[in-house]
Amino acid sequence: MIGGTPEQADRLLALVLDGTKTATASALWDYEAGGEDDRTLDSWRHVHREFFSTYAAHDRGFAFDMPVVLERFEVLYRR
């Protein structure tokens, strides 16, 4: 989610859509605190069942055979 509230997310989305906002940043500490759990399929299912049931734009909830989109990331800059 971009932004801390739905209203802030809407304002940021408007900036993205009009081309003003072209990037975003998050605190590394947030990733470290939330993490990816133990990275097993069971862990992924547990976390995403809750996420998709709570925050999804669709009304289908979670299913073990649901289609998902995979996004790969590449580190472009290292300290």
PDB file of N, CA and C in Angstrom:
ATOM      1  N   MET A   1       0.840  -1.175   0.000  1.00  0.00           N
ATOM      2  CA  MET A   1       0.000   0.000   0.000  1.00  0.00           C
ATOM      3  C   MET A   1       0.883   1.236   0.000  1.00  0.00           C
ATOM      4  N   ILE A   2       0.554   2.156  -0.835  1.00  0.00           N
ATOM      5  CA  ILE A   2       1.256   3.430  -0.846  1.00  0.00           C
ATOM      6  C   ILE A   2       0.478   4.388   0.037  1.00  0.00           C
ATOM      7  N   GLY A   3       1.187   5.028   0.956  1.00  0.00           N
ATOM      8  CA  GLY A   3       0.520   5.956   1.863  1.00  0.00           C
ATOM      9  C   GLY A   3       0.065   5.255   3.129  1.00  0.00           C
ATOM     10  N   GLY A   4      -0.228   6.047   4.136  1.00  0.00           N
ATOM     11  CA  GLY A   4      -0.620   5.497   5.416  1.00  0.00           C
ATOM     12  C   GLY A   4      -2.120   5.407   5.628  1.00  0.00           C
ATOM     13  N   THR A   5      -2.881   6.117   4.816  1.00  0.00           N
ATOM     14  CA  THR A   5      -4.335   6.100   4.929  1.00  0.00           C
ATOM     15  C   THR A   5      -4.931   6.005   3.531  1.00  0.00           C
ATOM     16  N   PRO A   6      -6.177   5.602   3.419  1.00  0.00           N
ATOM     17  CA  PRO A   6      -6.807   5.568   2.093  1.00  0.00           C
ATOM     18  C   PRO A   6      -6.796   6.934   1.405  1.00  0.00           C
ATOM     19  N   GLU A   7      -6.996   8.002   2.168  1.00  0.00           N
ATOM     20  CA  GLU A   7      -6.998   9.345   1.587  1.00  0.00           C
ATOM     21  C   GLU A   7      -5.614   9.707   1.033  1.00  0.00           C
ATOM     22  N   GLN A   8      -4.583   9.389   1.786  1.00  0.00           N
ATOM     23  CA  GLN A   8      -3.222   9.662   1.330  1.00  0.00           C
ATOM     24  C   GLN A   8      -2.898   8.800   0.112  1.00  0.00           C
ATOM     25  N   ALA A   9      -3.334   7.563   0.115  1.00  0.00           N
ATOM     26  CA  ALA A   9      -3.108   6.685  -1.033  1.00  0.00           C
ATOM     27  C   ALA A   9      -3.778   7.250  -2.280  1.00  0.00           C
ATOM     28  N   ASP A  10      -4.978   7.782  -2.137  1.00  0.00           N
ATOM     29  CA  ASP A  10      -5.679   8.394  -3.273  1.00  0.00           C
ATOM     30  C   ASP A  10      -4.914   9.600  -3.811  1.00  0.00           C
ATOM     31  N   ARG A  11      -4.412  10.451  -2.916  1.00  0.00           N
ATOM     32  CA  ARG A  11      -3.646  11.630  -3.359  1.00  0.00           C
ATOM     33  C   ARG A  11      -2.371  11.205  -4.082  1.00  0.00           C
ATOM     34  N   LEU A  12      -1.685  10.195  -3.546  1.00  0.00           N
ATOM     35  CA  LEU A  12      -0.451   9.729  -4.182  1.00  0.00           C
ATOM     36  C   LEU A  12      -0.748   9.060  -5.517  1.00  0.00           C
ATOM     37  N   LEU A  13      -1.823   8.299  -5.583  1.00  0.00           N
ATOM     38  CA  LEU A  13      -2.200   7.669  -6.842  1.00  0.00           C
ATOM     39  C   LEU A  13      -2.480   8.717  -7.916  1.00  0.00           C
ATOM     40  N   ALA A  14      -3.144   9.805  -7.544  1.00  0.00           N
ATOM     41  CA  ALA A  14      -3.408  10.871  -8.511  1.00  0.00           C
ATOM     42  C   ALA A  14      -2.104  11.434  -9.062  1.00  0.00           C
ATOM     43  N   LEU A  15      -1.106  11.578  -8.204  1.00  0.00           N
ATOM     44  CA  LEU A  15       0.206  12.055  -8.660  1.00  0.00           C
ATOM     45  C   LEU A  15       0.874  11.057  -9.592  1.00  0.00           C
ATOM     46  N   VAL A  16       0.718   9.772  -9.302  1.00  0.00           N
ATOM     47  CA  VAL A  16       1.259   8.729 -10.182  1.00  0.00           C
ATOM     48  C   VAL A  16       0.570   8.784 -11.537  1.00  0.00           C
ATOM     49  N   LEU A  17      -0.746   8.865 -11.521  1.00  0.00           N
ATOM     50  CA  LEU A  17      -1.505   8.839 -12.766  1.00  0.00           C
ATOM     51  C   LEU A  17      -1.258  10.056 -13.647  1.00  0.00           C
ATOM     52  N   ASP A  18      -0.965  11.217 -13.029  1.00  0.00           N
ATOM     53  CA  ASP A  18      -0.697  12.393 -13.869  1.00  0.00           C
ATOM     54  C   ASP A  18       0.776  12.535 -14.227  1.00  0.00           C
ATOM     55  N   GLY A  19       1.600  11.562 -13.797  1.00  0.00           N
ATOM     56  CA  GLY A  19       3.009  11.550 -14.176  1.00  0.00           C
ATOM     57  C   GLY A  19       3.923  12.334 -13.269  1.00  0.00           C
ATOM     58  N   THR A  20       3.387  12.979 -12.231  1.00  0.00           N
ATOM     59  CA  THR A  20       4.217  13.757 -11.307  1.00  0.00           C
ATOM     60  C   THR A  20       5.053  12.847 -10.415  1.00  0.00           C
ATOM     61  N   LYS A  21       4.440  11.816  -9.876  1.00  0.00           N
ATOM     62  CA  LYS A  21       5.135  10.882  -8.986  1.00  0.00           C
ATOM     63  C   LYS A  21       5.581   9.684  -9.802  1.00  0.00           C
ATOM     64  N   THR A  22       6.888   9.456  -9.845  1.00  0.00           N
ATOM     65  CA  THR A  22       7.420   8.358 -10.657  1.00  0.00           C
ATOM     66  C   THR A  22       8.184   7.324  -9.845  1.00  0.00           C
ATOM     67  N   ALA A  23       8.212   7.494  -8.531  1.00  0.00           N
ATOM     68  CA  ALA A  23       8.924   6.544  -7.674  1.00  0.00           C
ATOM     69  C   ALA A  23       8.364   6.655  -6.259  1.00  0.00           C
ATOM     70  N   THR A  24       8.739   5.714  -5.423  1.00  0.00           N
ATOM     71  CA  THR A  24       8.359   5.772  -4.021  1.00  0.00           C
ATOM     72  C   THR A  24       9.473   5.156  -3.196  1.00  0.00           C
ATOM     73  N   ALA A  25       9.436   5.356  -1.909  1.00  0.00           N
ATOM     74  CA  ALA A  25      10.453   4.814  -1.012  1.00  0.00           C
ATOM     75  C   ALA A  25       9.785   4.341   0.268  1.00  0.00           C
ATOM     76  N   SER A  26      10.374   3.343   0.882  1.00  0.00           N
ATOM     77  CA  SER A  26       9.891   2.818   2.151  1.00  0.00           C
ATOM     78  C   SER A  26      11.067   2.677   3.100  1.00  0.00           C
ATOM     79  N   ALA A  27      10.788   2.704   4.379  1.00  0.00           N
ATOM     80  CA  ALA A  27      11.840   2.522   5.372  1.00  0.00           C
ATOM     81  C   ALA A  27      12.259   1.051   5.400  1.00  0.00           C
ATOM     82  N   LEU A  28      13.540   0.811   5.316  1.00  0.00           N
ATOM     83  CA  LEU A  28      14.055  -0.548   5.415  1.00  0.00           C
ATOM     84  C   LEU A  28      13.593  -1.194   6.710  1.00  0.00           C
ATOM     85  N   TRP A  29      13.498  -0.403   7.777  1.00  0.00           N
ATOM     86  CA  TRP A  29      13.092  -0.941   9.071  1.00  0.00           C
ATOM     87  C   TRP A  29      11.694  -1.547   9.014  1.00  0.00           C
ATOM     88  N   ASP A  30      10.808  -0.961   8.171  1.00  0.00           N
ATOM     89  CA  ASP A  30       9.472  -1.539   8.021  1.00  0.00           C
ATOM     90  C   ASP A  30       9.543  -2.931   7.403  1.00  0.00           C
ATOM     91  N   TYR A  31      10.411  -3.098   6.424  1.00  0.00           N
ATOM     92  CA  TYR A  31      10.573  -4.422   5.809  1.00  0.00           C
ATOM     93  C   TYR A  31      11.177  -5.407   6.804  1.00  0.00           C
ATOM     94  N   GLU A  32      12.146  -4.931   7.572  1.00  0.00           N
ATOM     95  CA  GLU A  32      12.778  -5.808   8.555  1.00  0.00           C
ATOM     96  C   GLU A  32      11.790  -6.211   9.647  1.00  0.00           C
ATOM     97  N   ALA A  33      10.931  -5.274  10.050  1.00  0.00           N
ATOM     98  CA  ALA A  33       9.955  -5.557  11.108  1.00  0.00           C
ATOM     99  C   ALA A  33       8.863  -6.498  10.615  1.00  0.00           C
ATOM    100  N   GLY A  34       8.377  -6.252   9.383  1.00  0.00           N
ATOM    101  CA  GLY A  34       7.311  -7.079   8.819  1.00  0.00           C
ATOM    102  C   GLY A  34       7.862  -8.348   8.201  1.00  0.00           C
ATOM    103  N   GLY A  35       9.007  -8.214   7.491  1.00  0.00           N
ATOM    104  CA  GLY A  35       9.696  -9.359   6.894  1.00  0.00           C
ATOM    105  C   GLY A  35       8.859 -10.166   5.957  1.00  0.00           C
ATOM    106  N   GLU A  36       9.341 -11.319   5.504  1.00  0.00           N
ATOM    107  CA  GLU A  36       8.631 -12.269   4.648  1.00  0.00           C
ATOM    108  C   GLU A  36       8.401 -13.562   5.415  1.00  0.00           C
ATOM    109  N   ASP A  37       8.341 -13.490   6.732  1.00  0.00           N
ATOM    110  CA  ASP A  37       8.141 -14.645   7.603  1.00  0.00           C
ATOM    111  C   ASP A  37       9.223 -15.682   7.323  1.00  0.00           C
ATOM    112  N   ASP A  38       8.885 -16.957   7.220  1.00  0.00           N
ATOM    113  CA  ASP A  38       9.933 -17.966   7.019  1.00  0.00           C
ATOM    114  C   ASP A  38      10.101 -18.381   5.556  1.00  0.00           C
ATOM    115  N   ARG A  39       9.379 -17.707   4.645  1.00  0.00           N
ATOM    116  CA  ARG A  39       9.506 -17.868   3.198  1.00  0.00           C
ATOM    117  C   ARG A  39       9.040 -19.226   2.679  1.00  0.00           C
ATOM    118  N   THR A  40       8.249 -19.948   3.462  1.00  0.00           N
ATOM    119  CA  THR A  40       7.684 -21.209   2.991  1.00  0.00           C
ATOM    120  C   THR A  40       6.344 -20.938   2.312  1.00  0.00           C
ATOM    121  N   LEU A  41       5.866 -21.903   1.542  1.00  0.00           N
ATOM    122  CA  LEU A  41       4.561 -21.778   0.907  1.00  0.00           C
ATOM    123  C   LEU A  41       3.461 -21.652   1.954  1.00  0.00           C
ATOM    124  N   ASP A  42       3.557 -22.434   3.024  1.00  0.00           N
ATOM    125  CA  ASP A  42       2.546 -22.330   4.087  1.00  0.00           C
ATOM    126  C   ASP A  42       2.514 -20.932   4.683  1.00  0.00           C
ATOM    127  N   SER A  43       3.679 -20.340   4.895  1.00  0.00           N
ATOM    128  CA  SER A  43       3.750 -18.989   5.433  1.00  0.00           C
ATOM    129  C   SER A  43       3.139 -17.993   4.452  1.00  0.00           C
ATOM    130  N   TRP A  44       3.477 -18.130   3.171  1.00  0.00           N
ATOM    131  CA  TRP A  44       2.919 -17.243   2.144  1.00  0.00           C
ATOM    132  C   TRP A  44       1.400 -17.339   2.137  1.00  0.00           C
ATOM    133  N   ARG A  45       0.883 -18.553   2.181  1.00  0.00           N
ATOM    134  CA  ARG A  45      -0.569 -18.745   2.169  1.00  0.00           C
ATOM    135  C   ARG A  45      -1.225 -18.093   3.382  1.00  0.00           C
ATOM    136  N   HIS A  46      -0.626 -18.258   4.546  1.00  0.00           N
ATOM    137  CA  HIS A  46      -1.182 -17.684   5.768  1.00  0.00           C
ATOM    138  C   HIS A  46      -1.251 -16.160   5.671  1.00  0.00           C
ATOM    139  N   VAL A  47      -0.140 -15.546   5.300  1.00  0.00           N
ATOM    140  CA  VAL A  47      -0.072 -14.087   5.227  1.00  0.00           C
ATOM    141  C   VAL A  47      -1.004 -13.554   4.138  1.00  0.00           C
ATOM    142  N   HIS A  48      -1.013 -14.198   2.981  1.00  0.00           N
ATOM    143  CA  HIS A  48      -1.792 -13.677   1.866  1.00  0.00           C
ATOM    144  C   HIS A  48      -3.279 -14.016   1.963  1.00  0.00           C
ATOM    145  N   ARG A  49      -3.622 -15.065   2.643  1.00  0.00           N
ATOM    146  CA  ARG A  49      -5.046 -15.333   2.889  1.00  0.00           C
ATOM    147  C   ARG A  49      -5.633 -14.156   3.660  1.00  0.00           C
ATOM    148  N   GLU A  50      -4.942 -13.737   4.704  1.00  0.00           N
ATOM    149  CA  GLU A  50      -5.403 -12.592   5.500  1.00  0.00           C
ATOM    150  C   GLU A  50      -5.398 -11.312   4.667  1.00  0.00           C
ATOM    151  N   PHE A  51      -4.301 -11.080   3.925  1.00  0.00           N
ATOM    152  CA  PHE A  51      -4.187  -9.858   3.133  1.00  0.00           C
ATOM    153  C   PHE A  51      -5.269  -9.778   2.068  1.00  0.00           C
ATOM    154  N   PHE A  52      -5.410 -10.830   1.261  1.00  0.00           N
ATOM    155  CA  PHE A  52      -6.391 -10.802   0.176  1.00  0.00           C
ATOM    156  C   PHE A  52      -7.819 -10.726   0.707  1.00  0.00           C
ATOM    157  N   SER A  53      -8.060 -11.308   1.839  1.00  0.00           N
ATOM    158  CA  SER A  53      -9.405 -11.257   2.416  1.00  0.00           C
ATOM    159  C   SER A  53      -9.734  -9.873   2.976  1.00  0.00           C
ATOM    160  N   THR A  54      -8.710  -9.142   3.409  1.00  0.00           N
ATOM    161  CA  THR A  54      -8.915  -7.844   4.037  1.00  0.00           C
ATOM    162  C   THR A  54      -8.776  -6.676   3.068  1.00  0.00           C
ATOM    163  N   TYR A  55      -7.756  -6.714   2.203  1.00  0.00           N
ATOM    164  CA  TYR A  55      -7.412  -5.537   1.416  1.00  0.00           C
ATOM    165  C   TYR A  55      -7.649  -5.660  -0.085  1.00  0.00           C
ATOM    166  N   ALA A  56      -8.019  -6.803  -0.564  1.00  0.00           N
ATOM    167  CA  ALA A  56      -8.165  -6.982  -2.008  1.00  0.00           C
ATOM    168  C   ALA A  56      -9.258  -6.093  -2.573  1.00  0.00           C
ATOM    169  N   ALA A  57      -9.047  -5.631  -3.793  1.00  0.00           N
ATOM    170  CA  ALA A  57     -10.065  -4.841  -4.484  1.00  0.00           C
ATOM    171  C   ALA A  57     -11.193  -5.735  -4.987  1.00  0.00           C
ATOM    172  N   HIS A  58     -10.902  -7.016  -5.160  1.00  0.00           N
ATOM    173  CA  HIS A  58     -11.924  -7.965  -5.621  1.00  0.00           C
ATOM    174  C   HIS A  58     -12.668  -8.548  -4.424  1.00  0.00           C
ATOM    175  N   ASP A  59     -13.742  -9.270  -4.692  1.00  0.00           N
ATOM    176  CA  ASP A  59     -14.543  -9.834  -3.597  1.00  0.00           C
ATOM    177  C   ASP A  59     -14.464 -11.356  -3.552  1.00  0.00           C
ATOM    178  N   ARG A  60     -13.383 -11.914  -4.070  1.00  0.00           N
ATOM    179  CA  ARG A  60     -13.259 -13.370  -4.150  1.00  0.00           C
ATOM    180  C   ARG A  60     -12.477 -13.974  -2.992  1.00  0.00           C
ATOM    181  N   GLY A  61     -11.903 -13.136  -2.131  1.00  0.00           N
ATOM    182  CA  GLY A  61     -11.164 -13.660  -0.994  1.00  0.00           C
ATOM    183  C   GLY A  61      -9.882 -14.348  -1.411  1.00  0.00           C
ATOM    184  N   PHE A  62      -9.649 -15.524  -0.861  1.00  0.00           N
ATOM    185  CA  PHE A  62      -8.425 -16.281  -1.102  1.00  0.00           C
ATOM    186  C   PHE A  62      -8.785 -17.705  -1.478  1.00  0.00           C
ATOM    187  N   ALA A  63      -8.067 -18.260  -2.432  1.00  0.00           N
ATOM    188  CA  ALA A  63      -8.235 -19.667  -2.805  1.00  0.00           C
ATOM    189  C   ALA A  63      -6.863 -20.237  -3.124  1.00  0.00           C
ATOM    190  N   PHE A  64      -6.651 -21.501  -2.767  1.00  0.00           N
ATOM    191  CA  PHE A  64      -5.354 -22.117  -3.027  1.00  0.00           C
ATOM    192  C   PHE A  64      -5.032 -22.174  -4.518  1.00  0.00           C
ATOM    193  N   ASP A  65      -6.056 -22.179  -5.377  1.00  0.00           N
ATOM    194  CA  ASP A  65      -5.815 -22.259  -6.818  1.00  0.00           C
ATOM    195  C   ASP A  65      -6.043 -20.926  -7.534  1.00  0.00           C
ATOM    196  N   MET A  66      -6.033 -19.822  -6.787  1.00  0.00           N
ATOM    197  CA  MET A  66      -6.269 -18.516  -7.396  1.00  0.00           C
ATOM    198  C   MET A  66      -5.078 -18.119  -8.263  1.00  0.00           C
ATOM    199  N   PRO A  67      -5.334 -17.397  -9.352  1.00  0.00           N
ATOM    200  CA  PRO A  67      -4.218 -16.892 -10.148  1.00  0.00           C
ATOM    201  C   PRO A  67      -3.534 -15.747  -9.398  1.00  0.00           C
ATOM    202  N   VAL A  68      -2.227 -15.705  -9.473  1.00  0.00           N
ATOM    203  CA  VAL A  68      -1.459 -14.628  -8.844  1.00  0.00           C
ATOM    204  C   VAL A  68      -0.479 -14.063  -9.870  1.00  0.00           C
ATOM    205  N   VAL A  69      -0.079 -12.838  -9.651  1.00  0.00           N
ATOM    206  CA  VAL A  69       0.894 -12.175 -10.511  1.00  0.00           C
ATOM    207  C   VAL A  69       2.213 -12.112  -9.762  1.00  0.00           C
ATOM    208  N   LEU A  70       3.260 -12.577 -10.389  1.00  0.00           N
ATOM    209  CA  LEU A  70       4.600 -12.544  -9.806  1.00  0.00           C
ATOM    210  C   LEU A  70       5.340 -11.352 -10.378  1.00  0.00           C
ATOM    211  N   GLU A  71       5.931 -10.568  -9.504  1.00  0.00           N
ATOM    212  CA  GLU A  71       6.774  -9.461  -9.938  1.00  0.00           C
ATOM    213  C   GLU A  71       8.186  -9.731  -9.451  1.00  0.00           C
ATOM    214  N   ARG A  72       9.119  -9.701 -10.366  1.00  0.00           N
ATOM    215  CA  ARG A  72      10.524  -9.888  -9.994  1.00  0.00           C
ATOM    216  C   ARG A  72      11.162  -8.524  -9.784  1.00  0.00           C
ATOM    217  N   PHE A  73      12.078  -8.465  -8.826  1.00  0.00           N
ATOM    218  CA  PHE A  73      12.777  -7.230  -8.530  1.00  0.00           C
ATOM    219  C   PHE A  73      14.259  -7.431  -8.724  1.00  0.00           C
ATOM    220  N   GLU A  74      14.923  -6.380  -9.154  1.00  0.00           N
ATOM    221  CA  GLU A  74      16.362  -6.411  -9.334  1.00  0.00           C
ATOM    222  C   GLU A  74      16.960  -5.240  -8.568  1.00  0.00           C
ATOM    223  N   VAL A  75      18.009  -5.511  -7.799  1.00  0.00           N
ATOM    224  CA  VAL A  75      18.699  -4.444  -7.076  1.00  0.00           C
ATOM    225  C   VAL A  75      19.541  -3.676  -8.082  1.00  0.00           C
ATOM    226  N   LEU A  76      19.258  -2.392  -8.231  1.00  0.00           N
ATOM    227  CA  LEU A  76      19.994  -1.557  -9.176  1.00  0.00           C
ATOM    228  C   LEU A  76      21.105  -0.756  -8.514  1.00  0.00           C
ATOM    229  N   TYR A  77      20.997  -0.602  -7.220  1.00  0.00           N
ATOM    230  CA  TYR A  77      21.996   0.181  -6.504  1.00  0.00           C
ATOM    231  C   TYR A  77      22.311  -0.518  -5.186  1.00  0.00           C
ATOM    232  N   ARG A  78      23.550  -0.726  -4.928  1.00  0.00           N
ATOM    233  CA  ARG A  78      23.991  -1.299  -3.651  1.00  0.00           C
ATOM    234  C   ARG A  78      24.943  -0.305  -2.989  1.00  0.00           C
ATOM    235  N   ARG A  79      24.854  -0.232  -1.689  1.00  0.00           N
ATOM    236  CA  ARG A  79      25.759   0.673  -0.979  1.00  0.00           C
ATOM    237  C   ARG A  79      27.184   0.274  -1.169  1.00  0.00           C
TER     238      ARG A  79
END
